[in-house]
Amino acid sequence: MRKLTLAVSAAAAVAASGAVASPVLAADLNISIEIPRLSVAAYHRPYVAVWIERPDNTAVRTLAVWYEVSNTAEGKDWLKDMRTWWRRGGRSLTLPADGVSSATKAPGRHAVNVPAARLQALPAGDYVLVVEAARELGGREAVRVPFRWGAANTARATGATELGAVSVTVTR
């Protein structure tokens, strides 16, 4: 009887062990953002950008941008006030972007639901959800919420002035 030898490449062995990050299938990202009601003389709705970045602060994907879409030229001029988002990838985004751009929101709790299909190429791992808000005649604030992509979990953080509670839920 003859012995058969099975040769497995190193890459195949590592992949079989699960050590390689692969895209996560069928996971939705549900985000809740609270815009607080401020008692100021001239209230303007904030511009808000929502994006995912790696722990080293490199942007992965913009999920939502709320700005004055009715006046495209003037609305785009004020996007630069969301400085962190603008520098990390906002300036290269062509707006309005389908499924990303939306009008500014009134005070209250708002949901951003990202279906699995939009994030199917995102490898499992640790990420940070960033929500940045800037308001005319007001302040600017960014809230960072670390989360794990690839397993069901919920993470929360709270802003101090321009943003209230922010939560991110990964569902499987």
N, C-alpha and C. Protein backbone atom coordinates (compact mmCIF):
# COMPACT_ATOMS: atom_id res chain seq x y z
N MET A 1 0.84 -1.17 0.00
CA MET A 1 0.00 0.00 0.00
C MET A 1 0.89 1.24 0.00
N ARG A 2 0.50 2.23 -0.79
CA ARG A 2 1.28 3.44 -0.96
C ARG A 2 0.77 4.56 -0.05
N LYS A 3 1.69 5.32 0.56
CA LYS A 3 1.32 6.45 1.41
C LYS A 3 1.15 7.69 0.54
N LEU A 4 0.10 8.43 0.80
CA LEU A 4 -0.13 9.69 0.10
C LEU A 4 0.27 10.83 1.02
N THR A 5 1.01 11.76 0.47
CA THR A 5 1.43 12.93 1.23
C THR A 5 0.61 14.12 0.77
N LEU A 6 0.05 14.82 1.69
CA LEU A 6 -0.75 16.00 1.39
C LEU A 6 0.08 17.24 1.69
N ALA A 7 0.34 18.03 0.68
CA ALA A 7 1.11 19.26 0.84
C ALA A 7 0.14 20.42 0.90
N VAL A 8 0.27 21.21 1.94
CA VAL A 8 -0.60 22.38 2.12
C VAL A 8 0.30 23.60 2.17
N SER A 9 -0.04 24.60 1.37
CA SER A 9 0.75 25.83 1.38
C SER A 9 0.56 26.56 2.72
N ALA A 10 1.53 27.38 3.07
CA ALA A 10 1.46 28.13 4.32
C ALA A 10 0.25 29.05 4.33
N ALA A 11 -0.03 29.67 3.20
CA ALA A 11 -1.17 30.60 3.13
C ALA A 11 -2.48 29.85 3.35
N ALA A 12 -2.61 28.67 2.77
CA ALA A 12 -3.83 27.89 2.94
C ALA A 12 -3.98 27.43 4.39
N ALA A 13 -2.87 27.07 5.03
CA ALA A 13 -2.92 26.64 6.42
C ALA A 13 -3.35 27.78 7.33
N VAL A 14 -2.83 28.98 7.09
CA VAL A 14 -3.20 30.13 7.91
C VAL A 14 -4.67 30.47 7.69
N ALA A 15 -5.12 30.43 6.44
CA ALA A 15 -6.51 30.74 6.13
C ALA A 15 -7.44 29.72 6.78
N ALA A 16 -7.06 28.46 6.76
CA ALA A 16 -7.88 27.42 7.37
C ALA A 16 -7.96 27.58 8.87
N SER A 17 -6.93 28.14 9.48
CA SER A 17 -6.92 28.32 10.93
C SER A 17 -7.79 29.50 11.36
N GLY A 18 -8.18 30.35 10.40
CA GLY A 18 -9.01 31.50 10.73
C GLY A 18 -8.22 32.72 11.16
N ALA A 19 -6.90 32.71 11.00
CA ALA A 19 -6.06 33.81 11.45
C ALA A 19 -6.05 34.98 10.48
N VAL A 20 -6.56 34.80 9.30
CA VAL A 20 -6.58 35.87 8.31
C VAL A 20 -7.91 36.60 8.39
N ALA A 21 -7.86 37.92 8.38
CA ALA A 21 -9.08 38.71 8.42
C ALA A 21 -9.79 38.57 7.09
N SER A 22 -11.04 38.20 7.15
CA SER A 22 -11.82 38.06 5.93
C SER A 22 -13.08 38.90 6.08
N PRO A 23 -13.73 39.22 4.97
CA PRO A 23 -14.95 40.02 5.07
C PRO A 23 -16.01 39.30 5.91
N VAL A 24 -16.77 40.08 6.65
CA VAL A 24 -17.82 39.55 7.49
C VAL A 24 -19.11 39.53 6.68
N LEU A 25 -19.83 38.44 6.75
CA LEU A 25 -21.05 38.31 5.99
C LEU A 25 -22.28 38.56 6.86
N ALA A 26 -23.28 39.17 6.29
CA ALA A 26 -24.59 39.37 6.91
C ALA A 26 -24.56 40.05 8.26
N ALA A 27 -23.84 41.15 8.36
CA ALA A 27 -23.82 41.94 9.59
C ALA A 27 -24.25 43.35 9.25
N ASP A 28 -25.26 43.85 9.95
CA ASP A 28 -25.73 45.22 9.76
C ASP A 28 -25.13 46.11 10.83
N LEU A 29 -25.02 47.39 10.51
CA LEU A 29 -24.52 48.38 11.45
C LEU A 29 -25.65 49.36 11.70
N ASN A 30 -26.09 49.45 12.96
CA ASN A 30 -27.17 50.36 13.33
C ASN A 30 -26.61 51.42 14.27
N ILE A 31 -26.77 52.67 13.85
CA ILE A 31 -26.18 53.79 14.59
C ILE A 31 -27.31 54.70 15.07
N SER A 32 -27.21 55.14 16.31
CA SER A 32 -28.16 56.09 16.87
C SER A 32 -27.39 57.34 17.27
N ILE A 33 -27.87 58.49 16.80
CA ILE A 33 -27.21 59.77 17.08
C ILE A 33 -28.23 60.73 17.66
N GLU A 34 -27.89 61.30 18.80
CA GLU A 34 -28.77 62.29 19.42
C GLU A 34 -28.21 63.69 19.19
N ILE A 35 -29.07 64.56 18.67
CA ILE A 35 -28.72 65.97 18.52
C ILE A 35 -29.49 66.70 19.61
N PRO A 36 -28.79 67.30 20.57
CA PRO A 36 -29.47 67.95 21.69
C PRO A 36 -30.12 69.27 21.29
N ARG A 37 -31.16 69.63 22.03
CA ARG A 37 -31.80 70.93 21.84
C ARG A 37 -31.01 71.94 22.66
N LEU A 38 -30.48 72.95 21.97
CA LEU A 38 -29.67 73.97 22.64
C LEU A 38 -30.48 75.25 22.80
N SER A 39 -30.32 75.90 23.93
CA SER A 39 -31.00 77.18 24.19
C SER A 39 -30.06 78.31 23.81
N VAL A 40 -30.10 78.68 22.54
CA VAL A 40 -29.27 79.78 22.03
C VAL A 40 -30.15 80.72 21.23
N ALA A 41 -29.70 81.95 21.06
CA ALA A 41 -30.50 82.96 20.37
C ALA A 41 -30.74 82.59 18.90
N ALA A 42 -29.69 82.21 18.20
CA ALA A 42 -29.82 81.86 16.78
C ALA A 42 -29.39 80.41 16.60
N TYR A 43 -30.37 79.52 16.56
CA TYR A 43 -30.05 78.10 16.43
C TYR A 43 -30.00 77.70 14.96
N HIS A 44 -28.95 77.02 14.60
CA HIS A 44 -28.81 76.45 13.25
C HIS A 44 -28.58 74.96 13.41
N ARG A 45 -29.24 74.18 12.59
CA ARG A 45 -29.04 72.73 12.63
C ARG A 45 -27.59 72.40 12.28
N PRO A 46 -27.01 71.44 12.98
CA PRO A 46 -25.60 71.13 12.71
C PRO A 46 -25.41 70.30 11.43
N TYR A 47 -24.26 70.49 10.81
CA TYR A 47 -23.79 69.58 9.78
C TYR A 47 -23.19 68.41 10.52
N VAL A 48 -23.43 67.20 10.06
CA VAL A 48 -22.94 66.01 10.75
C VAL A 48 -22.32 65.06 9.73
N ALA A 49 -21.17 64.51 10.08
CA ALA A 49 -20.52 63.48 9.28
C ALA A 49 -20.34 62.24 10.15
N VAL A 50 -20.61 61.08 9.58
CA VAL A 50 -20.49 59.80 10.28
C VAL A 50 -19.59 58.91 9.44
N TRP A 51 -18.51 58.40 10.03
CA TRP A 51 -17.62 57.54 9.27
C TRP A 51 -16.97 56.50 10.17
N ILE A 52 -16.38 55.50 9.52
CA ILE A 52 -15.64 54.44 10.22
C ILE A 52 -14.17 54.66 9.95
N GLU A 53 -13.37 54.48 11.00
CA GLU A 53 -11.92 54.52 10.81
C GLU A 53 -11.27 53.40 11.61
N ARG A 54 -10.05 53.11 11.24
CA ARG A 54 -9.27 52.10 11.96
C ARG A 54 -8.74 52.72 13.25
N PRO A 55 -8.27 51.91 14.20
CA PRO A 55 -7.73 52.48 15.45
C PRO A 55 -6.56 53.43 15.23
N ASP A 56 -5.87 53.33 14.07
CA ASP A 56 -4.75 54.25 13.79
C ASP A 56 -5.23 55.55 13.13
N ASN A 57 -6.54 55.80 13.12
CA ASN A 57 -7.19 57.02 12.61
C ASN A 57 -7.25 57.12 11.09
N THR A 58 -6.99 56.07 10.36
CA THR A 58 -7.16 56.13 8.91
C THR A 58 -8.63 55.84 8.57
N ALA A 59 -9.20 56.69 7.73
CA ALA A 59 -10.61 56.56 7.38
C ALA A 59 -10.84 55.33 6.52
N VAL A 60 -11.94 54.64 6.79
CA VAL A 60 -12.31 53.45 6.02
C VAL A 60 -13.46 53.77 5.07
N ARG A 61 -14.53 54.38 5.61
CA ARG A 61 -15.70 54.68 4.78
C ARG A 61 -16.58 55.72 5.45
N THR A 62 -17.07 56.66 4.64
CA THR A 62 -18.06 57.63 5.12
C THR A 62 -19.43 56.98 5.02
N LEU A 63 -20.18 57.02 6.11
CA LEU A 63 -21.50 56.38 6.15
C LEU A 63 -22.64 57.38 5.94
N ALA A 64 -22.47 58.61 6.43
CA ALA A 64 -23.53 59.61 6.29
C ALA A 64 -22.93 61.01 6.40
N VAL A 65 -23.52 61.93 5.64
CA VAL A 65 -23.18 63.35 5.73
C VAL A 65 -24.48 64.12 5.68
N TRP A 66 -24.79 64.85 6.75
CA TRP A 66 -25.99 65.66 6.81
C TRP A 66 -25.59 67.11 6.63
N TYR A 67 -26.06 67.71 5.55
CA TYR A 67 -25.73 69.11 5.27
C TYR A 67 -26.86 69.73 4.47
N GLU A 68 -26.72 70.99 4.12
CA GLU A 68 -27.77 71.70 3.40
C GLU A 68 -27.76 71.27 1.93
N VAL A 69 -28.49 70.20 1.64
CA VAL A 69 -28.49 69.67 0.27
C VAL A 69 -29.37 70.49 -0.67
N SER A 70 -30.28 71.29 -0.12
CA SER A 70 -31.16 72.09 -0.98
C SER A 70 -30.39 73.21 -1.68
N ASN A 71 -29.32 73.68 -1.08
CA ASN A 71 -28.48 74.72 -1.67
C ASN A 71 -27.08 74.12 -1.83
N THR A 72 -26.91 73.32 -2.86
CA THR A 72 -25.72 72.50 -3.02
C THR A 72 -24.42 73.28 -2.94
N ALA A 73 -24.31 74.38 -3.66
CA ALA A 73 -23.06 75.14 -3.69
C ALA A 73 -22.71 75.68 -2.31
N GLU A 74 -23.65 76.36 -1.67
CA GLU A 74 -23.37 76.93 -0.36
C GLU A 74 -23.25 75.85 0.70
N GLY A 75 -24.06 74.80 0.61
CA GLY A 75 -24.00 73.71 1.58
C GLY A 75 -22.65 73.04 1.61
N LYS A 76 -22.05 72.84 0.44
CA LYS A 76 -20.74 72.19 0.37
C LYS A 76 -19.63 73.07 0.97
N ASP A 77 -19.78 74.39 0.88
CA ASP A 77 -18.76 75.29 1.41
C ASP A 77 -18.55 75.10 2.91
N TRP A 78 -19.62 74.78 3.63
CA TRP A 78 -19.53 74.67 5.08
C TRP A 78 -19.10 73.29 5.55
N LEU A 79 -18.97 72.34 4.65
CA LEU A 79 -18.53 70.99 5.05
C LEU A 79 -17.12 71.01 5.64
N LYS A 80 -16.31 71.97 5.24
CA LYS A 80 -14.94 72.08 5.74
C LYS A 80 -14.90 72.34 7.24
N ASP A 81 -16.02 72.82 7.81
CA ASP A 81 -16.06 73.06 9.26
C ASP A 81 -16.02 71.77 10.06
N MET A 82 -16.36 70.66 9.44
CA MET A 82 -16.19 69.36 10.09
C MET A 82 -14.76 68.93 9.76
N ARG A 83 -13.82 69.55 10.44
CA ARG A 83 -12.40 69.49 10.08
C ARG A 83 -11.82 68.09 10.04
N THR A 84 -12.12 67.30 11.04
CA THR A 84 -11.53 65.95 11.09
C THR A 84 -12.01 65.12 9.91
N TRP A 85 -13.31 65.10 9.69
CA TRP A 85 -13.86 64.32 8.56
C TRP A 85 -13.32 64.86 7.24
N TRP A 86 -13.28 66.17 7.10
CA TRP A 86 -12.83 66.79 5.86
C TRP A 86 -11.40 66.35 5.52
N ARG A 87 -10.53 66.37 6.52
CA ARG A 87 -9.12 66.01 6.30
C ARG A 87 -8.93 64.51 6.10
N ARG A 88 -9.77 63.69 6.70
CA ARG A 88 -9.59 62.25 6.61
C ARG A 88 -10.25 61.63 5.39
N GLY A 89 -11.00 62.38 4.64
CA GLY A 89 -11.60 61.79 3.45
C GLY A 89 -12.76 62.55 2.85
N GLY A 90 -13.29 63.52 3.59
CA GLY A 90 -14.44 64.27 3.10
C GLY A 90 -14.16 65.06 1.85
N ARG A 91 -12.97 65.63 1.76
CA ARG A 91 -12.67 66.48 0.60
C ARG A 91 -12.60 65.69 -0.70
N SER A 92 -12.36 64.37 -0.61
CA SER A 92 -12.27 63.55 -1.83
C SER A 92 -13.61 62.93 -2.21
N LEU A 93 -14.63 63.10 -1.38
CA LEU A 93 -15.94 62.54 -1.64
C LEU A 93 -16.72 63.43 -2.60
N THR A 94 -17.32 62.84 -3.61
CA THR A 94 -18.17 63.59 -4.54
C THR A 94 -19.57 63.65 -3.96
N LEU A 95 -20.03 64.87 -3.68
CA LEU A 95 -21.34 65.06 -3.08
C LEU A 95 -22.28 65.75 -4.05
N PRO A 96 -23.56 65.48 -4.03
CA PRO A 96 -24.21 64.55 -3.12
C PRO A 96 -23.90 63.10 -3.50
N ALA A 97 -23.73 62.27 -2.50
CA ALA A 97 -23.42 60.85 -2.69
C ALA A 97 -24.66 60.03 -2.38
N ASP A 98 -25.04 59.16 -3.28
CA ASP A 98 -26.22 58.34 -3.13
C ASP A 98 -26.11 57.45 -1.89
N GLY A 99 -27.09 57.51 -1.02
CA GLY A 99 -27.09 56.69 0.18
C GLY A 99 -26.26 57.25 1.31
N VAL A 100 -25.58 58.37 1.08
CA VAL A 100 -24.71 58.98 2.11
C VAL A 100 -25.21 60.37 2.47
N SER A 101 -25.50 61.19 1.47
CA SER A 101 -25.92 62.58 1.70
C SER A 101 -27.36 62.65 2.16
N SER A 102 -27.60 63.59 3.06
CA SER A 102 -28.95 63.82 3.56
C SER A 102 -29.02 65.24 4.10
N ALA A 103 -30.23 65.74 4.27
CA ALA A 103 -30.43 67.07 4.83
C ALA A 103 -30.07 67.09 6.31
N THR A 104 -29.82 68.28 6.84
CA THR A 104 -29.54 68.42 8.27
C THR A 104 -30.75 67.95 9.06
N LYS A 105 -30.54 67.58 10.30
CA LYS A 105 -31.61 67.03 11.13
C LYS A 105 -31.91 67.96 12.31
N ALA A 106 -33.16 67.96 12.72
CA ALA A 106 -33.60 68.73 13.89
C ALA A 106 -33.13 68.03 15.17
N PRO A 107 -33.18 68.74 16.30
CA PRO A 107 -32.83 68.09 17.56
C PRO A 107 -33.69 66.85 17.79
N GLY A 108 -33.07 65.83 18.37
CA GLY A 108 -33.75 64.57 18.63
C GLY A 108 -32.81 63.40 18.34
N ARG A 109 -33.37 62.20 18.39
CA ARG A 109 -32.60 60.98 18.14
C ARG A 109 -32.82 60.55 16.70
N HIS A 110 -31.72 60.25 16.01
CA HIS A 110 -31.78 59.87 14.60
C HIS A 110 -31.02 58.57 14.39
N ALA A 111 -31.50 57.78 13.43
CA ALA A 111 -30.90 56.48 13.16
C ALA A 111 -30.23 56.47 11.79
N VAL A 112 -29.08 55.82 11.74
CA VAL A 112 -28.39 55.55 10.47
C VAL A 112 -28.24 54.04 10.43
N ASN A 113 -28.90 53.40 9.49
CA ASN A 113 -28.83 51.95 9.37
C ASN A 113 -28.05 51.61 8.11
N VAL A 114 -26.96 50.88 8.29
CA VAL A 114 -26.10 50.51 7.18
C VAL A 114 -26.26 49.02 6.93
N PRO A 115 -26.83 48.65 5.79
CA PRO A 115 -27.04 47.23 5.51
C PRO A 115 -25.72 46.50 5.24
N ALA A 116 -25.74 45.21 5.46
CA ALA A 116 -24.55 44.38 5.30
C ALA A 116 -23.92 44.54 3.92
N ALA A 117 -24.72 44.73 2.89
CA ALA A 117 -24.20 44.83 1.52
C ALA A 117 -23.21 45.99 1.36
N ARG A 118 -23.43 47.10 2.09
CA ARG A 118 -22.52 48.25 1.97
C ARG A 118 -21.19 48.03 2.66
N LEU A 119 -21.13 47.06 3.57
CA LEU A 119 -19.90 46.83 4.32
C LEU A 119 -19.35 45.41 4.12
N GLN A 120 -19.78 44.75 3.05
CA GLN A 120 -19.39 43.36 2.86
C GLN A 120 -17.88 43.15 2.69
N ALA A 121 -17.16 44.15 2.23
CA ALA A 121 -15.71 44.00 2.03
C ALA A 121 -14.90 44.41 3.27
N LEU A 122 -15.57 44.80 4.33
CA LEU A 122 -14.88 45.25 5.54
C LEU A 122 -14.41 44.03 6.35
N PRO A 123 -13.10 43.87 6.53
CA PRO A 123 -12.60 42.72 7.31
C PRO A 123 -12.99 42.82 8.78
N ALA A 124 -13.13 41.69 9.42
CA ALA A 124 -13.43 41.67 10.85
C ALA A 124 -12.28 42.33 11.61
N GLY A 125 -12.62 42.97 12.71
CA GLY A 125 -11.58 43.60 13.52
C GLY A 125 -12.11 44.77 14.32
N ASP A 126 -11.19 45.51 14.92
CA ASP A 126 -11.53 46.66 15.74
C ASP A 126 -11.56 47.92 14.89
N TYR A 127 -12.61 48.71 15.08
CA TYR A 127 -12.79 49.95 14.34
C TYR A 127 -13.30 51.02 15.30
N VAL A 128 -13.38 52.25 14.80
CA VAL A 128 -13.93 53.36 15.58
C VAL A 128 -14.97 54.06 14.71
N LEU A 129 -16.16 54.22 15.26
CA LEU A 129 -17.19 55.02 14.60
C LEU A 129 -16.97 56.44 15.07
N VAL A 130 -16.90 57.38 14.13
CA VAL A 130 -16.71 58.78 14.48
C VAL A 130 -17.91 59.57 13.99
N VAL A 131 -18.48 60.38 14.86
CA VAL A 131 -19.58 61.27 14.51
C VAL A 131 -19.08 62.68 14.83
N GLU A 132 -19.04 63.53 13.81
CA GLU A 132 -18.57 64.91 14.00
C GLU A 132 -19.69 65.87 13.63
N ALA A 133 -19.88 66.89 14.44
CA ALA A 133 -20.92 67.89 14.19
C ALA A 133 -20.30 69.28 14.26
N ALA A 134 -20.76 70.15 13.36
CA ALA A 134 -20.35 71.56 13.36
C ALA A 134 -21.60 72.39 13.08
N ARG A 135 -21.75 73.48 13.82
CA ARG A 135 -22.94 74.31 13.70
C ARG A 135 -22.55 75.75 13.45
N GLU A 136 -23.25 76.39 12.51
CA GLU A 136 -23.02 77.81 12.24
C GLU A 136 -23.34 78.60 13.51
N LEU A 137 -22.47 79.52 13.86
CA LEU A 137 -22.59 80.32 15.09
C LEU A 137 -22.59 79.44 16.33
N GLY A 138 -22.02 78.26 16.21
CA GLY A 138 -21.99 77.33 17.34
C GLY A 138 -20.64 76.66 17.44
N GLY A 139 -20.63 75.53 18.02
CA GLY A 139 -19.38 74.81 18.24
C GLY A 139 -19.17 73.67 17.26
N ARG A 140 -18.15 72.91 17.57
CA ARG A 140 -17.77 71.75 16.78
C ARG A 140 -17.41 70.65 17.76
N GLU A 141 -17.82 69.42 17.46
CA GLU A 141 -17.54 68.32 18.37
C GLU A 141 -17.46 67.01 17.60
N ALA A 142 -16.58 66.12 18.04
CA ALA A 142 -16.47 64.78 17.47
C ALA A 142 -16.58 63.77 18.60
N VAL A 143 -17.40 62.75 18.40
CA VAL A 143 -17.56 61.66 19.37
C VAL A 143 -17.03 60.40 18.72
N ARG A 144 -16.15 59.70 19.43
CA ARG A 144 -15.53 58.47 18.92
C ARG A 144 -16.06 57.28 19.72
N VAL A 145 -16.52 56.25 18.99
CA VAL A 145 -17.09 55.06 19.63
C VAL A 145 -16.37 53.82 19.09
N PRO A 146 -15.46 53.23 19.87
CA PRO A 146 -14.79 52.00 19.42
C PRO A 146 -15.79 50.83 19.38
N PHE A 147 -15.69 49.99 18.36
CA PHE A 147 -16.55 48.82 18.25
C PHE A 147 -15.81 47.70 17.54
N ARG A 148 -16.37 46.51 17.63
CA ARG A 148 -15.77 45.33 16.99
C ARG A 148 -16.67 44.89 15.85
N TRP A 149 -16.12 44.85 14.64
CA TRP A 149 -16.84 44.40 13.46
C TRP A 149 -16.57 42.91 13.30
N GLY A 150 -17.62 42.13 13.16
CA GLY A 150 -17.47 40.69 12.98
C GLY A 150 -18.16 39.89 14.06
N ALA A 151 -18.61 40.54 15.09
CA ALA A 151 -19.34 39.88 16.17
C ALA A 151 -20.41 40.84 16.67
N ALA A 152 -21.53 40.29 17.10
CA ALA A 152 -22.62 41.12 17.61
C ALA A 152 -22.16 41.86 18.86
N ASN A 153 -22.31 43.18 18.87
CA ASN A 153 -21.93 43.98 20.04
C ASN A 153 -22.55 45.36 19.93
N THR A 154 -22.56 46.07 21.05
CA THR A 154 -23.06 47.44 21.12
C THR A 154 -22.07 48.28 21.90
N ALA A 155 -21.81 49.49 21.42
CA ALA A 155 -20.92 50.42 22.10
C ALA A 155 -21.57 51.79 22.14
N ARG A 156 -21.24 52.57 23.18
CA ARG A 156 -21.86 53.89 23.37
C ARG A 156 -20.83 54.92 23.82
N ALA A 157 -21.13 56.17 23.48
CA ALA A 157 -20.36 57.30 23.98
C ALA A 157 -21.31 58.50 23.99
N THR A 158 -20.92 59.55 24.70
CA THR A 158 -21.77 60.73 24.80
C THR A 158 -20.95 61.98 24.55
N GLY A 159 -21.53 62.89 23.77
CA GLY A 159 -20.90 64.17 23.52
C GLY A 159 -21.17 65.13 24.66
N ALA A 160 -20.53 66.29 24.58
CA ALA A 160 -20.66 67.27 25.66
C ALA A 160 -21.54 68.46 25.27
N THR A 161 -21.51 68.89 24.00
CA THR A 161 -22.26 70.09 23.61
C THR A 161 -23.08 69.88 22.35
N GLU A 162 -22.45 69.69 21.23
CA GLU A 162 -23.14 69.62 19.94
C GLU A 162 -23.78 68.27 19.67
N LEU A 163 -23.31 67.23 20.35
CA LEU A 163 -23.85 65.88 20.19
C LEU A 163 -24.23 65.32 21.55
N GLY A 164 -25.26 64.50 21.55
CA GLY A 164 -25.67 63.80 22.78
C GLY A 164 -25.15 62.37 22.73
N ALA A 165 -26.01 61.42 23.06
CA ALA A 165 -25.64 60.01 23.08
C ALA A 165 -25.46 59.48 21.65
N VAL A 166 -24.41 58.71 21.46
CA VAL A 166 -24.14 58.05 20.18
C VAL A 166 -23.93 56.57 20.49
N SER A 167 -24.64 55.70 19.78
CA SER A 167 -24.43 54.27 19.96
C SER A 167 -24.30 53.59 18.61
N VAL A 168 -23.55 52.50 18.61
CA VAL A 168 -23.37 51.70 17.41
C VAL A 168 -23.63 50.24 17.80
N THR A 169 -24.46 49.56 17.00
CA THR A 169 -24.79 48.16 17.24
C THR A 169 -24.48 47.36 16.00
N VAL A 170 -23.70 46.31 16.18
CA VAL A 170 -23.40 45.37 15.09
C VAL A 170 -24.32 44.18 15.32
N THR A 171 -25.17 43.88 14.33
CA THR A 171 -26.08 42.74 14.45
C THR A 171 -25.62 41.64 13.52
N ARG A 172 -25.87 40.42 13.88
CA ARG A 172 -25.48 39.26 13.05
C ARG A 172 -26.71 38.60 12.52
